[in-house]
């Protein structure tokens, strides 16, 4: 079957993309590695000895970067619905981080402590309906934030991908309630036409567990 004009244009852009070429040469599994590398260079997120949870890790380029930077003594827990080819220094949990059994597996790996950093490059499967896609994306972001608030150490950090649009201001306000400082980042490696950006929250504030919170604290049951 002949490729459509749009498919040909996408393929041409992909092949000529310097980040795609760089990822291949450096051994990264996708160009997304350069987004995290740029943010880390600016904000110094990653350091030896850290415990980091990577939500939505497949195909694994962020986990590759993290694993290389938390050595020695660090740990990386990668979580995704899709399978992930093994990465040295990365412990993989396959499943939905919203489910009780997956949360329990993550908590067992984290024991006896919590994480220094949670990162998420998650995005929903897009339908092409802008309002629906934006709503589903923000729902994921809210779940990532709630996960982070219950699994991070005090004053720890969260890096989460968001899309600008309806509901963004409200989510930004939630991030500011949870962290002492929140900044936005738009890496050069993000495609020019993409509405994606990243919010970085540093300094997790203490909180009283919300009785209606979706995620229990480690050790609590989720019925």
Protein backbone atom coordinates (compact mmCIF):
# COMPACT_ATOMS: atom_id res chain seq x y z
CA UNK A 1 0.00 0.00 0.00
CA UNK A 2 1.39 3.42 -0.95
CA UNK A 3 2.12 5.79 1.87
CA UNK A 4 -0.06 8.90 2.18
CA UNK A 5 1.48 12.35 1.71
CA UNK A 6 1.25 13.07 5.44
CA UNK A 7 2.98 9.76 6.26
CA UNK A 8 5.79 10.55 3.84
CA UNK A 9 6.25 14.02 5.36
CA UNK A 10 6.33 12.58 8.89
CA UNK A 11 8.89 9.97 7.87
CA UNK A 12 11.06 12.59 6.20
CA UNK A 13 10.97 14.82 9.32
CA UNK A 14 11.71 11.82 11.52
CA UNK A 15 14.70 10.66 9.50
CA UNK A 16 16.17 14.18 9.34
CA UNK A 17 15.49 14.95 13.03
CA UNK A 18 18.86 15.62 14.76
CA UNK A 19 17.52 14.23 18.04
CA UNK A 20 16.53 10.98 16.33
CA UNK A 21 20.00 10.69 14.83
CA UNK A 22 21.61 11.58 18.14
CA UNK A 23 19.57 8.99 20.01
CA UNK A 24 20.64 6.28 17.60
CA UNK A 25 24.28 7.22 17.90
CA UNK A 26 24.16 7.43 21.70
CA UNK A 27 22.18 4.22 22.12
CA UNK A 28 19.05 5.83 23.56
CA UNK A 29 15.78 4.11 22.78
CA UNK A 30 14.05 7.31 21.67
CA UNK A 31 14.67 11.00 21.08
CA UNK A 32 12.77 11.73 24.32
CA UNK A 33 16.03 11.15 26.20
CA UNK A 34 17.15 14.62 25.14
CA UNK A 35 14.16 16.27 26.80
CA UNK A 36 15.18 14.87 30.18
CA UNK A 37 18.87 15.54 29.55
CA UNK A 38 18.13 19.21 28.84
CA UNK A 39 15.91 19.62 31.91
CA UNK A 40 18.46 17.87 34.11
CA UNK A 41 21.27 20.08 32.82
CA UNK A 42 19.27 23.16 33.77
CA UNK A 43 17.65 22.03 37.02
CA UNK A 44 20.06 19.39 38.33
CA UNK A 45 17.38 16.83 39.10
CA UNK A 46 19.47 13.69 39.08
CA UNK A 47 22.29 12.74 41.45
CA UNK A 48 24.09 9.58 42.59
CA UNK A 49 22.25 7.57 45.20
CA UNK A 50 18.74 8.76 44.34
CA UNK A 51 15.64 6.56 44.19
CA UNK A 52 13.59 7.51 41.12
CA UNK A 53 10.20 6.27 39.85
CA UNK A 54 9.65 6.60 36.08
CA UNK A 55 5.92 6.39 35.27
CA UNK A 56 5.10 5.54 31.66
CA UNK A 57 8.67 4.47 31.05
CA UNK A 58 8.44 2.55 27.75
CA UNK A 59 10.41 2.37 25.53
CA UNK A 60 12.91 3.30 28.24
CA UNK A 61 14.98 6.30 27.15
CA UNK A 62 14.24 8.29 30.31
CA UNK A 63 15.09 5.27 32.46
CA UNK A 64 18.37 4.92 30.55
CA UNK A 65 19.30 8.52 31.37
CA UNK A 66 18.22 8.21 35.00
CA UNK A 67 20.06 4.94 35.59
CA UNK A 68 23.30 6.41 34.25
CA UNK A 69 23.05 9.41 36.59
CA UNK A 70 21.98 7.87 39.89
CA UNK A 71 24.95 5.50 40.01
CA UNK A 72 26.46 4.55 42.36
CA UNK A 73 23.91 3.58 44.95
CA UNK A 74 20.78 4.78 43.19
CA UNK A 75 17.71 2.85 42.09
CA UNK A 76 15.29 3.27 39.20
CA UNK A 77 11.77 1.83 39.21
CA UNK A 78 10.22 1.93 35.73
CA UNK A 79 6.46 1.41 35.37
CA UNK A 80 4.47 0.94 32.17
CA UNK A 81 1.55 -0.96 30.68
CA UNK A 82 3.82 -2.01 27.81
CA UNK A 83 6.75 -4.37 28.10
CA UNK A 84 10.22 -2.92 28.55
CA UNK A 85 13.42 -4.51 27.35
CA UNK A 86 15.81 -4.85 30.32
CA UNK A 87 17.97 -1.86 31.21
CA UNK A 88 20.93 -2.29 33.57
CA UNK A 89 20.15 -0.75 36.94
CA UNK A 90 16.40 -0.50 36.29
CA UNK A 91 13.70 -2.50 38.08
CA UNK A 92 10.63 -2.84 35.87
CA UNK A 93 7.01 -3.14 36.99
CA UNK A 94 4.58 -3.89 34.17
CA UNK A 95 1.05 -2.67 34.76
CA UNK A 96 -1.20 0.28 35.52
CA UNK A 97 0.14 2.39 38.39
CA UNK A 98 -3.46 3.17 39.40
CA UNK A 99 -4.16 -0.45 40.33
CA UNK A 100 -3.76 -1.72 43.90
CA UNK A 101 -1.58 -4.72 43.02
CA UNK A 102 0.82 -2.56 40.97
CA UNK A 103 1.01 0.02 43.76
CA UNK A 104 1.82 -2.79 46.18
CA UNK A 105 4.65 -4.01 43.95
CA UNK A 106 6.09 -0.51 43.69
CA UNK A 107 5.89 -0.10 47.46
CA UNK A 108 7.68 -3.40 48.04
CA UNK A 109 10.54 -2.22 45.84
CA UNK A 110 10.64 1.16 47.58
CA UNK A 111 10.73 -0.31 51.08
CA UNK A 112 11.80 0.79 53.59
CA UNK A 113 11.74 4.33 52.21
CA UNK A 114 10.25 6.59 49.58
CA UNK A 115 11.42 8.15 46.32
CA UNK A 116 13.60 11.21 45.80
CA UNK A 117 12.04 11.94 42.42
CA UNK A 118 9.03 10.89 40.33
CA UNK A 119 9.10 11.57 36.58
CA UNK A 120 6.32 11.09 34.07
CA UNK A 121 6.38 11.44 30.29
CA UNK A 122 2.92 9.88 30.11
CA UNK A 123 0.36 10.83 27.49
CA UNK A 124 -3.00 9.17 26.74
CA UNK A 125 -3.72 7.40 23.49
CA UNK A 126 -4.94 10.29 21.36
CA UNK A 127 -8.36 10.19 19.71
CA UNK A 128 -7.97 13.34 17.61
CA UNK A 129 -10.80 15.03 19.52
CA UNK A 130 -8.98 17.92 21.18
CA UNK A 131 -11.31 18.44 24.14
CA UNK A 132 -11.40 14.74 24.97
CA UNK A 133 -7.64 14.30 24.60
CA UNK A 134 -6.94 17.31 26.82
CA UNK A 135 -9.33 16.05 29.51
CA UNK A 136 -7.76 12.58 29.53
CA UNK A 137 -4.26 14.03 29.63
CA UNK A 138 -5.06 16.20 32.64
CA UNK A 139 -6.69 13.27 34.41
CA UNK A 140 -3.42 11.35 34.01
CA UNK A 141 -1.45 14.33 35.32
CA UNK A 142 -3.66 14.55 38.40
CA UNK A 143 -3.16 10.85 39.09
CA UNK A 144 0.61 11.22 38.68
CA UNK A 145 0.58 14.13 41.14
CA UNK A 146 -1.41 12.14 43.67
CA UNK A 147 0.93 9.17 43.29
CA UNK A 148 3.92 11.44 43.81
CA UNK A 149 2.48 13.11 46.90
CA UNK A 150 2.07 9.72 48.59
CA UNK A 151 5.35 8.12 47.44
CA UNK A 152 7.88 10.97 47.61
CA UNK A 153 10.12 11.89 50.49
CA UNK A 154 9.54 15.30 52.12
CA UNK A 155 10.96 18.11 49.96
CA UNK A 156 11.40 15.73 47.00
CA UNK A 157 10.53 16.54 43.36
CA UNK A 158 8.13 15.69 40.52
CA UNK A 159 8.60 16.22 36.78
CA UNK A 160 5.40 15.69 34.79
CA UNK A 161 4.43 16.23 31.15
CA UNK A 162 1.34 18.37 30.58
CA UNK A 163 -0.42 19.82 27.55
CA UNK A 164 -1.43 23.46 27.48
CA UNK A 165 -5.16 23.95 27.10
CA UNK A 166 -8.36 23.75 29.11
CA UNK A 167 -7.72 22.82 32.73
CA UNK A 168 -4.00 23.61 32.64
CA UNK A 169 -4.27 26.60 35.01
CA UNK A 170 -6.16 24.50 37.55
CA UNK A 171 -3.55 21.74 37.45
CA UNK A 172 -0.76 24.28 37.81
CA UNK A 173 -2.52 25.57 40.93
CA UNK A 174 -2.63 22.01 42.31
CA UNK A 175 1.09 21.64 41.69
CA UNK A 176 1.75 24.90 43.54
CA UNK A 177 -0.27 23.68 46.51
CA UNK A 178 1.82 20.50 46.62
CA UNK A 179 5.33 21.92 46.07
CA UNK A 180 7.28 24.88 47.38
CA UNK A 181 8.34 25.88 43.86
CA UNK A 182 6.93 25.02 40.43
CA UNK A 183 8.49 25.96 37.10
CA UNK A 184 7.61 25.15 33.49
CA UNK A 185 10.07 23.78 30.98
CA UNK A 186 9.81 23.45 27.20
CA UNK A 187 12.89 21.50 26.05
CA UNK A 188 14.30 22.19 22.62
CA UNK A 189 13.83 18.49 21.87
CA UNK A 190 10.04 18.90 22.10
CA UNK A 191 8.66 19.03 18.59
CA UNK A 192 7.88 22.55 17.44
CA UNK A 193 4.18 22.03 16.86
CA UNK A 194 3.56 20.16 20.10
CA UNK A 195 1.57 21.71 22.96
CA UNK A 196 3.51 19.59 25.46
CA UNK A 197 5.52 21.13 28.25
CA UNK A 198 6.85 19.93 31.58
CA UNK A 199 6.06 21.12 35.08
CA UNK A 200 8.77 20.65 37.68
CA UNK A 201 7.74 20.78 41.30
CA UNK A 202 10.48 20.94 43.94
CA UNK A 203 10.18 20.80 47.71
CA UNK A 204 7.19 18.53 48.41
CA UNK A 205 5.10 20.09 51.15
CA UNK A 206 3.89 18.03 54.09
CA UNK A 207 0.21 17.12 54.00
CA UNK A 208 -2.48 15.37 55.97
CA UNK A 209 -3.69 12.36 54.01
CA UNK A 210 -6.90 13.28 52.21
CA UNK A 211 -9.54 10.65 53.11
CA UNK A 212 -10.79 10.79 49.51
CA UNK A 213 -7.34 10.42 47.99
CA UNK A 214 -7.19 7.82 45.23
CA UNK A 215 -3.82 6.51 46.36
CA UNK A 216 -3.23 5.12 49.84
CA UNK A 217 0.02 5.74 51.63
CA UNK A 218 2.45 2.79 51.41
CA UNK A 219 1.17 -0.03 53.56
CA UNK A 220 -2.48 1.06 53.45
CA UNK A 221 -5.05 -1.01 51.62
CA UNK A 222 -6.86 0.23 48.53
CA UNK A 223 -10.26 -1.49 48.61
